[in-house]
Amino acid sequence: MKRLTQIFQALLAVAALIFTTLIATGRLAWRTIRNWWRSRSKSVRESISTLLWIISLIIICNVAKSYYDDAFGRDYWDRELSEQISLHSFADDKWRVYDQCAEKYTTDKVNWVSLAANGDSLAVYALPNKRGYINVKTGQIVIDAEDNDYQKAWVFSNGLAAVLQNGKIGFINAQNEIVIPFQFDYVDQSRKSDFGYIFYDDYCRMIDADGQVGLIDRKGNWMVRPMYDEILTPCTNGYRVVIKEGKYGLLDATCREIYAPEYCYISVVADGIVLTKDGRMWQTDFEGHIVQPFMFEE
C-alpha cells in the first residue's frame, strides 16, 4: 500500500511539472508574440490582421459550403426525361429539370417527376400536396402546380389526364381544360400495381365509392358499370380480364362480357383464349369454338 501511495505521488508530481511547464511556455510565447507585434508598424499590423480575417472567412465559407453540399447539394443520381432534358437529384431528395442543350435549369426544386407515357410529351411533377405537368421535350412547366389545386395527377393517355381535386377525380386535356368533370370518387388503389386512370383503346378503369371497378369512355360515361374487383390492362385484340371474388372473367374489345367471372384463371394468347375451371384447362378460338379440349401446364 505504501508503495502504491509513493507511485501515485510521483505521478502527481510529474503531472504538476508538465502542467507548470506548459503554462510557463505559453506565457513566454505570448510575451514574445506580444513584443513582436508591438514592434511592428501600424501598416504591417493592419495587413496581418486583414490577412487573418480573410483566411478565417475562407475557412468559414468552405465549412458552410461543405455543410450545404451535404444537406442540399447534388448527389448525381440523375435520370433522363428525353434526349435533351434530364433530372438532376439533390441530397435533400429533391429534383430539378435540366436542359442539356441550353445548359441551365428550367425549374426550381420539386419533389419528383414522373416519366411521360409512351407517345406523350407531358410528365407529372410534384410539389407538397400539389401536382402539375412538365413538357419532357423542352423542360418547361406547361400546367403549373402552384396555379392549380390538384392534389394528385396521373400521366396523359389518349390526350387526357386524370387529376384529383377536393376528393373527386376528373380529366383535363393538355391545355388544362376540364374535359370530364370532377365526378368520380377517389379510392386509394395502391394494392393494384398497374392502376393509374389510364385510357386504353378509348376506355379507362374507374372505381366507385365502394371500391368496385368499371370502365368509362372519353366522355365520362360508364361503359361497364362498376361491378368487378379488378379489370386488368387490355391484352391481345383489346380483351380485358376481369376478376371478382377471386374468379376470372373476360370482356371483349367492345366491353361486352363474353365469359362471366367464374373461372379459376383466364389468359389471352396469340391464337385464342385459355380457360381453367374445376381442375381442367382448355383453349378456344376468338369466336368461342374449342380448339384444344384438354391442356396441361408445362
Protein backbone atom coordinates (compact mmCIF):
# COMPACT_ATOMS: atom_id res chain seq x y z
CA MET A 1 0.00 0.00 0.00
CA LYS A 2 2.83 2.37 0.85
CA ARG A 3 4.45 1.51 -2.46
CA LEU A 4 1.24 2.42 -4.39
CA THR A 5 0.99 5.69 -2.49
CA GLN A 6 4.54 6.61 -3.47
CA ILE A 7 3.85 5.78 -7.14
CA PHE A 8 0.69 7.88 -7.10
CA GLN A 9 2.53 10.83 -5.51
CA ALA A 10 5.26 10.55 -8.15
CA LEU A 11 2.69 10.60 -10.95
CA LEU A 12 1.06 13.68 -9.43
CA ALA A 13 4.43 15.40 -9.27
CA VAL A 14 5.17 14.61 -12.92
CA ALA A 15 1.71 15.88 -13.97
CA ALA A 16 2.22 19.08 -11.98
CA LEU A 17 5.65 19.59 -13.56
CA ILE A 18 4.23 19.12 -17.10
CA PHE A 19 1.33 21.47 -16.37
CA THR A 20 3.66 24.13 -14.93
CA THR A 21 5.99 23.80 -17.92
CA LEU A 22 3.09 24.26 -20.36
CA ILE A 23 1.90 27.37 -18.54
CA ALA A 24 5.40 28.83 -18.43
CA THR A 25 5.98 28.06 -22.11
CA GLY A 26 2.62 29.58 -23.05
CA ARG A 27 3.31 32.75 -21.08
CA LEU A 28 6.75 33.06 -22.67
CA ALA A 29 5.34 32.53 -26.16
CA TRP A 30 2.58 35.04 -25.57
CA ARG A 31 5.06 37.62 -24.26
CA THR A 32 7.33 37.04 -27.27
CA ILE A 33 4.45 37.38 -29.77
CA ARG A 34 3.11 40.48 -27.99
CA ASN A 35 6.51 42.17 -28.03
CA TRP A 36 7.00 41.26 -31.68
CA TRP A 37 3.53 42.60 -32.54
CA ARG A 38 4.14 45.88 -30.73
CA SER A 39 7.43 46.36 -32.52
CA ARG A 40 5.75 46.20 -35.95
CA SER A 41 4.50 49.30 -37.69
CA LYS A 42 0.81 50.10 -37.81
CA SER A 43 0.55 49.29 -41.55
CA VAL A 44 2.14 45.85 -41.02
CA ARG A 45 -0.22 45.08 -38.16
CA GLU A 46 -3.24 46.12 -40.25
CA SER A 47 -2.06 43.97 -43.19
CA ILE A 48 -1.58 40.91 -40.98
CA SER A 49 -4.98 41.46 -39.33
CA THR A 50 -6.64 41.74 -42.73
CA LEU A 51 -4.93 38.56 -43.92
CA LEU A 52 -6.04 36.65 -40.82
CA TRP A 53 -9.62 37.86 -41.32
CA ILE A 54 -9.55 36.74 -44.96
CA ILE A 55 -8.19 33.29 -44.02
CA SER A 56 -10.86 32.94 -41.31
CA LEU A 57 -13.57 33.96 -43.76
CA ILE A 58 -12.34 31.42 -46.35
CA ILE A 59 -12.39 28.65 -43.74
CA ILE A 60 -15.92 29.60 -42.64
CA CYS A 61 -17.16 29.70 -46.26
CA ASN A 62 -15.61 26.30 -47.02
CA VAL A 63 -17.21 24.77 -43.92
CA ALA A 64 -20.58 26.32 -44.83
CA LYS A 65 -20.32 25.11 -48.44
CA SER A 66 -19.43 21.62 -47.29
CA TYR A 67 -22.43 21.57 -44.96
CA TYR A 68 -24.73 22.90 -47.71
CA ASP A 69 -23.47 20.32 -50.21
CA ASP A 70 -24.02 17.52 -47.71
CA ALA A 71 -27.54 18.70 -46.90
CA PHE A 72 -28.80 20.22 -50.17
CA GLY A 73 -26.21 19.79 -52.93
CA ARG A 74 -26.15 17.48 -55.96
CA ASP A 75 -25.87 13.75 -55.31
CA TYR A 76 -25.65 12.85 -59.03
CA TRP A 77 -28.38 10.21 -59.21
CA ASP A 78 -29.64 11.68 -62.49
CA ARG A 79 -32.37 10.45 -64.85
CA GLU A 80 -33.14 11.18 -68.48
CA LEU A 81 -36.58 12.53 -69.41
CA SER A 82 -35.75 12.88 -73.11
CA GLU A 83 -32.70 13.31 -75.33
CA GLN A 84 -32.40 16.96 -74.32
CA ILE A 85 -33.93 17.07 -70.84
CA SER A 86 -32.64 15.35 -67.70
CA LEU A 87 -33.46 15.28 -63.99
CA HIS A 88 -30.76 16.25 -61.50
CA SER A 89 -31.13 14.86 -57.99
CA PHE A 90 -30.09 16.59 -54.77
CA ALA A 91 -29.13 15.46 -51.30
CA ASP A 92 -32.41 16.71 -49.80
CA ASP A 93 -34.36 14.23 -52.00
CA LYS A 94 -35.46 16.99 -54.39
CA TRP A 95 -35.09 17.21 -58.17
CA ARG A 96 -34.55 19.91 -60.77
CA VAL A 97 -35.22 19.70 -64.50
CA TYR A 98 -32.11 20.49 -66.56
CA ASP A 99 -31.89 21.48 -70.24
CA GLN A 100 -28.66 19.90 -71.50
CA CYS A 101 -28.54 21.94 -74.72
CA ALA A 102 -29.10 25.30 -73.03
CA GLU A 103 -27.03 24.15 -70.01
CA LYS A 104 -29.47 25.60 -67.49
CA TYR A 105 -32.19 24.55 -65.08
CA THR A 106 -35.76 25.08 -66.21
CA THR A 107 -37.45 24.57 -62.81
CA ASP A 108 -36.88 25.14 -59.14
CA LYS A 109 -36.63 22.09 -56.89
CA VAL A 110 -39.59 19.70 -56.99
CA ASN A 111 -40.45 16.56 -55.04
CA TRP A 112 -40.42 14.23 -58.06
CA VAL A 113 -41.11 13.99 -61.78
CA SER A 114 -42.73 11.01 -63.46
CA LEU A 115 -41.84 9.61 -66.86
CA ALA A 116 -44.16 10.52 -69.72
CA ALA A 117 -46.40 7.81 -71.13
CA ASN A 118 -45.39 6.28 -74.46
CA GLY A 119 -46.01 8.72 -77.30
CA ASP A 120 -46.77 11.64 -74.98
CA SER A 121 -44.64 14.64 -74.04
CA LEU A 122 -46.16 15.63 -70.68
CA ALA A 123 -44.99 14.24 -67.34
CA VAL A 124 -46.36 14.82 -63.86
CA TYR A 125 -44.28 16.79 -61.35
CA ALA A 126 -44.99 17.10 -57.65
CA LEU A 127 -44.81 19.80 -55.02
CA PRO A 128 -46.10 19.19 -51.47
CA ASN A 129 -49.81 18.31 -51.92
CA LYS A 130 -49.80 19.82 -55.45
CA ARG A 131 -49.30 18.41 -58.93
CA GLY A 132 -48.55 19.91 -62.33
CA TYR A 133 -47.18 18.92 -65.73
CA ILE A 134 -43.83 19.40 -67.48
CA ASN A 135 -43.05 19.04 -71.17
CA VAL A 136 -40.24 16.46 -71.25
CA LYS A 137 -39.02 17.70 -74.64
CA THR A 138 -38.49 21.32 -73.56
CA GLY A 139 -38.26 21.02 -69.77
CA GLN A 140 -40.81 23.81 -69.38
CA ILE A 141 -43.75 23.74 -66.97
CA VAL A 142 -46.96 23.79 -69.02
CA ILE A 143 -49.51 23.26 -66.20
CA ASP A 144 -48.26 24.98 -63.07
CA ALA A 145 -48.82 23.12 -59.80
CA GLU A 146 -48.91 26.41 -57.89
CA ASP A 147 -51.80 27.71 -60.01
CA ASN A 148 -54.00 24.61 -59.69
CA ASP A 149 -55.46 22.76 -56.75
CA TYR A 150 -54.59 19.26 -57.99
CA GLN A 151 -53.73 17.04 -55.01
CA LYS A 152 -52.88 14.09 -57.28
CA ALA A 153 -52.35 13.69 -61.02
CA TRP A 154 -51.68 10.89 -63.48
CA VAL A 155 -49.93 10.74 -66.86
CA PHE A 156 -51.68 11.62 -70.10
CA SER A 157 -53.23 8.90 -72.26
CA ASN A 158 -55.25 9.44 -75.44
CA GLY A 159 -54.92 13.19 -74.82
CA LEU A 160 -56.47 13.13 -71.33
CA ALA A 161 -55.06 13.02 -67.80
CA ALA A 162 -56.82 12.25 -64.52
CA VAL A 163 -56.42 14.76 -61.69
CA LEU A 164 -57.74 14.79 -58.13
CA GLN A 165 -59.44 17.87 -56.72
CA ASN A 166 -61.44 18.07 -53.50
CA GLY A 167 -61.64 14.29 -53.26
CA LYS A 168 -63.03 13.81 -56.79
CA ILE A 169 -61.40 12.53 -60.00
CA GLY A 170 -61.80 14.46 -63.27
CA PHE A 171 -59.91 14.59 -66.56
CA ILE A 172 -58.14 17.50 -68.26
CA ASN A 173 -56.54 17.96 -71.68
CA ALA A 174 -53.07 19.33 -72.43
CA GLN A 175 -54.43 22.90 -72.32
CA ASN A 176 -55.62 22.29 -68.73
CA GLU A 177 -59.26 22.39 -69.83
CA ILE A 178 -61.69 20.15 -67.93
CA VAL A 179 -62.97 17.51 -70.34
CA ILE A 180 -64.60 15.12 -67.86
CA PRO A 181 -65.95 16.89 -64.74
CA PHE A 182 -64.82 16.03 -61.22
CA GLN A 183 -67.50 13.44 -60.55
CA PHE A 184 -65.73 10.19 -59.66
CA ASP A 185 -64.83 9.16 -56.13
CA TYR A 186 -61.15 8.69 -55.42
CA VAL A 187 -60.28 5.39 -53.80
CA ASP A 188 -56.67 4.56 -52.99
CA GLN A 189 -55.77 1.70 -55.31
CA SER A 190 -52.15 1.23 -54.26
CA ARG A 191 -52.86 -2.50 -53.95
CA LYS A 192 -53.28 -2.62 -57.73
CA SER A 193 -49.79 -2.22 -59.15
CA ASP A 194 -50.90 -1.18 -62.65
CA PHE A 195 -53.85 1.03 -61.75
CA GLY A 196 -53.34 4.58 -62.98
CA TYR A 197 -56.55 6.01 -64.51
CA ILE A 198 -55.12 5.38 -67.99
CA PHE A 199 -57.16 5.23 -71.19
CA TYR A 200 -56.54 2.10 -73.24
CA ASP A 201 -58.44 1.77 -76.52
CA ASP A 202 -60.64 4.75 -75.50
CA TYR A 203 -61.71 3.19 -72.18
CA CYS A 204 -60.41 3.89 -68.68
CA ARG A 205 -60.83 1.89 -65.50
CA MET A 206 -62.76 3.77 -62.84
CA ILE A 207 -63.76 2.97 -59.27
CA ASP A 208 -66.93 3.80 -57.38
CA ALA A 209 -67.20 4.72 -53.70
CA ASP A 210 -67.43 1.02 -52.76
CA GLY A 211 -64.13 0.18 -54.49
CA GLN A 212 -65.77 -1.67 -57.39
CA VAL A 213 -64.16 -1.25 -60.81
CA GLY A 214 -65.83 -0.44 -64.14
CA LEU A 215 -64.94 1.26 -67.43
CA ILE A 216 -65.72 4.79 -68.65
CA ASP A 217 -65.38 6.28 -72.13
CA ARG A 218 -63.70 9.59 -73.09
CA LYS A 219 -66.87 11.49 -72.20
CA GLY A 220 -67.06 10.06 -68.70
CA ASN A 221 -69.96 7.70 -69.41
CA TRP A 222 -69.97 4.28 -67.77
CA MET A 223 -69.43 1.66 -70.48
CA VAL A 224 -69.12 -1.11 -67.88
CA ARG A 225 -70.87 -0.47 -64.59
CA PRO A 226 -68.57 -0.88 -61.57
CA MET A 227 -69.08 -4.50 -60.55
CA TYR A 228 -65.63 -6.10 -60.55
CA ASP A 229 -62.81 -6.21 -58.03
CA GLU A 230 -60.26 -5.67 -60.81
CA ILE A 231 -60.13 -5.08 -64.54
CA LEU A 232 -56.70 -5.81 -65.94
CA THR A 233 -54.88 -3.90 -68.68
CA PRO A 234 -56.09 -4.89 -72.19
CA CYS A 235 -54.21 -7.72 -73.88
CA THR A 236 -54.40 -9.22 -77.38
CA ASN A 237 -57.19 -7.76 -79.56
CA GLY A 238 -58.41 -5.50 -76.76
CA TYR A 239 -59.63 -8.28 -74.47
CA ARG A 240 -59.73 -7.42 -70.77
CA VAL A 241 -59.53 -9.96 -67.99
CA VAL A 242 -61.82 -9.16 -65.05
CA ILE A 243 -61.69 -10.52 -61.51
CA LYS A 244 -64.50 -10.80 -58.99
CA GLU A 245 -64.26 -12.58 -55.65
CA GLY A 246 -61.13 -14.38 -56.84
CA LYS A 247 -62.75 -15.68 -60.04
CA TYR A 248 -61.76 -14.66 -63.58
CA GLY A 249 -63.92 -13.50 -66.48
CA LEU A 250 -63.33 -11.76 -69.81
CA LEU A 251 -64.56 -8.69 -71.69
CA ASP A 252 -64.10 -8.25 -75.43
CA ALA A 253 -62.92 -5.03 -77.15
CA THR A 254 -66.47 -3.62 -77.10
CA CYS A 255 -66.69 -4.10 -73.30
CA ARG A 256 -69.13 -7.00 -73.67
CA GLU A 257 -68.76 -9.75 -71.06
CA ILE A 258 -68.09 -12.94 -73.03
CA TYR A 259 -67.05 -15.05 -70.04
CA ALA A 260 -68.59 -14.42 -66.63
CA PRO A 261 -66.17 -14.28 -63.67
CA GLU A 262 -66.49 -17.94 -62.69
CA TYR A 263 -63.15 -19.38 -63.92
CA CYS A 264 -60.07 -20.21 -61.87
CA TYR A 265 -57.91 -18.45 -64.46
CA ILE A 266 -58.16 -16.94 -67.96
CA SER A 267 -55.32 -15.93 -70.25
CA VAL A 268 -55.47 -14.50 -73.75
CA VAL A 269 -52.81 -15.84 -76.12
CA ALA A 270 -51.98 -15.04 -79.73
CA ASP A 271 -54.37 -17.60 -81.22
CA GLY A 272 -57.17 -17.75 -78.68
CA ILE A 273 -58.27 -17.89 -75.06
CA VAL A 274 -57.10 -20.38 -72.42
CA LEU A 275 -59.60 -21.11 -69.65
CA THR A 276 -59.17 -23.03 -66.39
CA LYS A 277 -62.07 -24.30 -64.30
CA ASP A 278 -62.69 -27.21 -61.92
CA GLY A 279 -59.16 -28.54 -62.44
CA ARG A 280 -59.50 -28.60 -66.23
CA MET A 281 -57.75 -26.38 -68.78
CA TRP A 282 -58.80 -25.90 -72.42
CA GLN A 283 -58.46 -23.40 -75.26
CA THR A 284 -60.98 -21.71 -77.54
CA ASP A 285 -60.51 -19.50 -80.57
CA PHE A 286 -61.73 -15.89 -80.51
CA GLU A 287 -65.16 -16.97 -81.74
CA GLY A 288 -65.60 -19.28 -78.75
CA HIS A 289 -65.02 -22.60 -80.54
CA ILE A 290 -62.99 -25.16 -78.59
CA VAL A 291 -59.72 -25.85 -80.41
CA GLN A 292 -57.96 -27.78 -77.64
CA PRO A 293 -60.37 -29.60 -75.31
CA PHE A 294 -57.64 -30.63 -72.88
CA MET A 295 -54.40 -28.86 -71.91
CA PHE A 296 -51.93 -29.15 -69.08
CA GLU A 297 -49.42 -26.76 -67.59
CA GLU A 298 -45.75 -27.14 -68.51
